[in-house]
Structures are given as C-alpha cells and as structure tokens.
Amino acid sequence: MIENPTKIQPLLMNIKETAEFLKISRASVYRLIQEKGLPVYRLGGSVRTKPDEVEKWLVSQKAE
C-alpha cells in the first residue's frame, strides 16, 4: 500500500482523486475503467474507486 503519513486515505475516491492517486490524467482514469476494467462503484451519477482495490488492480496489471 502507498504510505503517506500526512494524509488519511479515504474510503472512496472520486475520479479526480483517483487520477491524483495514480498520478495520471482524469481522461486516463476513464480510459482505464472502460478499456482495462479498473474496478469502480457507481453511486447515482458519480463514479468512485476504493484505494485498496485500485492498488490490487494495479498490481494485477503488471507486465511480465
């Protein structure tokens, strides 16, 4: 897990927070959701991710 002692990790992140977490653009987050299966939760009109699930998904995408 990515450690940041000055900031508590949220339970759910919005797209902007997910982009900041992964250090990529918001458009890239949407592309990962659509093309690569980044796990999300749809709540009404918003899309959320869980930091721990994003990390697990990222590890699973590691190139061999």
N, C-alpha and C. Protein backbone atom coordinates (compact mmCIF):
# COMPACT_ATOMS: atom_id res chain seq x y z
N MET A 1 0.84 -1.18 0.00
CA MET A 1 0.00 0.00 0.00
C MET A 1 0.89 1.24 0.00
N ILE A 2 0.47 2.27 -0.70
CA ILE A 2 1.20 3.52 -0.74
C ILE A 2 1.00 4.23 0.59
N GLU A 3 2.10 4.57 1.25
CA GLU A 3 2.03 5.21 2.56
C GLU A 3 2.22 6.71 2.43
N ASN A 4 1.38 7.46 3.10
CA ASN A 4 1.50 8.91 3.17
C ASN A 4 1.10 9.31 4.59
N PRO A 5 2.09 9.52 5.46
CA PRO A 5 1.77 9.76 6.87
C PRO A 5 1.01 11.05 7.14
N THR A 6 0.99 11.99 6.20
CA THR A 6 0.33 13.26 6.45
C THR A 6 -1.11 13.29 5.96
N LYS A 7 -1.55 12.26 5.26
CA LYS A 7 -2.90 12.26 4.71
C LYS A 7 -3.57 10.92 4.95
N ILE A 8 -4.76 10.93 5.51
CA ILE A 8 -5.53 9.72 5.73
C ILE A 8 -6.18 9.31 4.42
N GLN A 9 -6.09 8.03 4.09
CA GLN A 9 -6.66 7.53 2.85
C GLN A 9 -8.18 7.46 2.96
N PRO A 10 -8.90 8.01 1.97
CA PRO A 10 -10.37 7.97 2.02
C PRO A 10 -10.90 6.58 1.73
N LEU A 11 -12.13 6.32 2.16
CA LEU A 11 -12.77 5.04 1.88
C LEU A 11 -13.07 4.91 0.38
N LEU A 12 -13.59 5.99 -0.21
CA LEU A 12 -13.86 6.03 -1.65
C LEU A 12 -13.26 7.28 -2.23
N MET A 13 -12.78 7.17 -3.47
CA MET A 13 -12.20 8.33 -4.16
C MET A 13 -13.02 8.63 -5.41
N ASN A 14 -13.16 9.91 -5.73
CA ASN A 14 -13.79 10.29 -6.99
C ASN A 14 -12.75 10.20 -8.11
N ILE A 15 -13.14 10.53 -9.33
CA ILE A 15 -12.23 10.39 -10.47
C ILE A 15 -11.01 11.30 -10.32
N LYS A 16 -11.22 12.52 -9.87
CA LYS A 16 -10.09 13.44 -9.70
C LYS A 16 -9.11 12.89 -8.66
N GLU A 17 -9.61 12.40 -7.54
CA GLU A 17 -8.76 11.84 -6.50
C GLU A 17 -8.04 10.58 -6.99
N THR A 18 -8.74 9.77 -7.78
CA THR A 18 -8.13 8.56 -8.34
C THR A 18 -7.00 8.94 -9.29
N ALA A 19 -7.22 9.97 -10.10
CA ALA A 19 -6.18 10.44 -11.02
C ALA A 19 -4.96 10.93 -10.24
N GLU A 20 -5.19 11.67 -9.18
CA GLU A 20 -4.08 12.15 -8.35
C GLU A 20 -3.36 10.98 -7.67
N PHE A 21 -4.12 10.01 -7.21
CA PHE A 21 -3.58 8.82 -6.56
C PHE A 21 -2.64 8.06 -7.50
N LEU A 22 -3.06 7.92 -8.77
CA LEU A 22 -2.27 7.20 -9.77
C LEU A 22 -1.29 8.09 -10.53
N LYS A 23 -1.39 9.41 -10.30
CA LYS A 23 -0.54 10.39 -10.98
C LYS A 23 -0.71 10.33 -12.50
N ILE A 24 -1.99 10.29 -12.92
CA ILE A 24 -2.36 10.31 -14.33
C ILE A 24 -3.50 11.30 -14.51
N SER A 25 -3.90 11.53 -15.76
CA SER A 25 -5.00 12.47 -16.03
C SER A 25 -6.35 11.82 -15.74
N ARG A 26 -7.36 12.67 -15.58
CA ARG A 26 -8.73 12.17 -15.39
C ARG A 26 -9.18 11.36 -16.60
N ALA A 27 -8.82 11.83 -17.79
CA ALA A 27 -9.18 11.10 -19.02
C ALA A 27 -8.57 9.70 -19.01
N SER A 28 -7.35 9.58 -18.51
CA SER A 28 -6.71 8.27 -18.44
C SER A 28 -7.43 7.35 -17.46
N VAL A 29 -7.94 7.91 -16.37
CA VAL A 29 -8.72 7.09 -15.41
C VAL A 29 -9.95 6.54 -16.11
N TYR A 30 -10.69 7.39 -16.82
CA TYR A 30 -11.88 6.92 -17.54
C TYR A 30 -11.51 5.85 -18.56
N ARG A 31 -10.37 6.02 -19.23
CA ARG A 31 -9.93 5.03 -20.22
C ARG A 31 -9.60 3.69 -19.53
N LEU A 32 -8.96 3.74 -18.37
CA LEU A 32 -8.67 2.51 -17.63
C LEU A 32 -9.95 1.80 -17.19
N ILE A 33 -10.95 2.57 -16.83
CA ILE A 33 -12.24 1.99 -16.43
C ILE A 33 -12.87 1.27 -17.62
N GLN A 34 -12.91 1.95 -18.77
CA GLN A 34 -13.59 1.40 -19.95
C GLN A 34 -12.80 0.29 -20.62
N GLU A 35 -11.49 0.44 -20.73
CA GLU A 35 -10.70 -0.50 -21.53
C GLU A 35 -9.97 -1.56 -20.73
N LYS A 36 -9.65 -1.27 -19.49
CA LYS A 36 -8.82 -2.19 -18.71
C LYS A 36 -9.51 -2.76 -17.49
N GLY A 37 -10.75 -2.35 -17.23
CA GLY A 37 -11.51 -2.94 -16.13
C GLY A 37 -11.14 -2.44 -14.75
N LEU A 38 -10.69 -1.21 -14.63
CA LEU A 38 -10.43 -0.64 -13.31
C LEU A 38 -11.74 -0.71 -12.51
N PRO A 39 -11.74 -1.35 -11.33
CA PRO A 39 -12.98 -1.53 -10.58
C PRO A 39 -13.54 -0.21 -10.03
N VAL A 40 -14.83 -0.01 -10.23
CA VAL A 40 -15.49 1.22 -9.78
C VAL A 40 -16.82 0.91 -9.12
N TYR A 41 -17.31 1.91 -8.40
CA TYR A 41 -18.65 1.89 -7.81
C TYR A 41 -19.41 3.07 -8.39
N ARG A 42 -20.58 2.82 -8.93
CA ARG A 42 -21.40 3.90 -9.49
C ARG A 42 -22.48 4.25 -8.47
N LEU A 43 -22.43 5.48 -8.00
CA LEU A 43 -23.39 5.96 -7.00
C LEU A 43 -24.16 7.12 -7.60
N GLY A 44 -25.38 6.85 -8.01
CA GLY A 44 -26.13 7.88 -8.71
C GLY A 44 -25.40 8.23 -10.00
N GLY A 45 -25.04 9.50 -10.13
CA GLY A 45 -24.32 9.93 -11.33
C GLY A 45 -22.82 9.99 -11.15
N SER A 46 -22.32 9.54 -10.01
CA SER A 46 -20.88 9.64 -9.77
C SER A 46 -20.20 8.28 -9.81
N VAL A 47 -18.91 8.31 -10.08
CA VAL A 47 -18.10 7.10 -10.15
C VAL A 47 -17.06 7.20 -9.04
N ARG A 48 -16.91 6.14 -8.27
CA ARG A 48 -15.96 6.12 -7.16
C ARG A 48 -15.09 4.87 -7.24
N THR A 49 -13.90 4.97 -6.67
CA THR A 49 -13.00 3.83 -6.56
C THR A 49 -12.56 3.69 -5.12
N LYS A 50 -12.13 2.48 -4.76
CA LYS A 50 -11.57 2.23 -3.44
C LYS A 50 -10.05 2.16 -3.59
N PRO A 51 -9.32 2.92 -2.78
CA PRO A 51 -7.86 2.93 -2.91
C PRO A 51 -7.22 1.55 -2.86
N ASP A 52 -7.66 0.69 -1.94
CA ASP A 52 -7.06 -0.64 -1.84
C ASP A 52 -7.35 -1.49 -3.08
N GLU A 53 -8.54 -1.33 -3.67
CA GLU A 53 -8.87 -2.08 -4.89
C GLU A 53 -8.09 -1.55 -6.08
N VAL A 54 -7.85 -0.25 -6.13
CA VAL A 54 -7.05 0.33 -7.20
C VAL A 54 -5.63 -0.23 -7.13
N GLU A 55 -5.08 -0.30 -5.93
CA GLU A 55 -3.73 -0.84 -5.77
C GLU A 55 -3.66 -2.31 -6.18
N LYS A 56 -4.64 -3.11 -5.77
CA LYS A 56 -4.67 -4.53 -6.15
C LYS A 56 -4.79 -4.67 -7.66
N TRP A 57 -5.67 -3.86 -8.28
CA TRP A 57 -5.84 -3.90 -9.73
C TRP A 57 -4.53 -3.53 -10.43
N LEU A 58 -3.86 -2.51 -9.91
CA LEU A 58 -2.61 -2.06 -10.50
C LEU A 58 -1.56 -3.16 -10.47
N VAL A 59 -1.45 -3.86 -9.36
CA VAL A 59 -0.51 -4.97 -9.25
C VAL A 59 -0.86 -6.07 -10.25
N SER A 60 -2.15 -6.32 -10.44
CA SER A 60 -2.58 -7.37 -11.37
C SER A 60 -2.29 -7.02 -12.83
N GLN A 61 -2.04 -5.75 -13.11
CA GLN A 61 -1.77 -5.30 -14.47
C GLN A 61 -0.28 -5.31 -14.81
N LYS A 62 0.55 -5.75 -13.87
CA LYS A 62 1.99 -5.74 -14.05
C LYS A 62 2.38 -6.58 -15.27
N ALA A 63 3.21 -6.00 -16.11
CA ALA A 63 3.69 -6.71 -17.31
C ALA A 63 4.73 -7.73 -16.89
N GLU A 64 4.64 -8.88 -17.49
CA GLU A 64 5.60 -9.96 -17.18
C GLU A 64 6.82 -9.84 -18.04
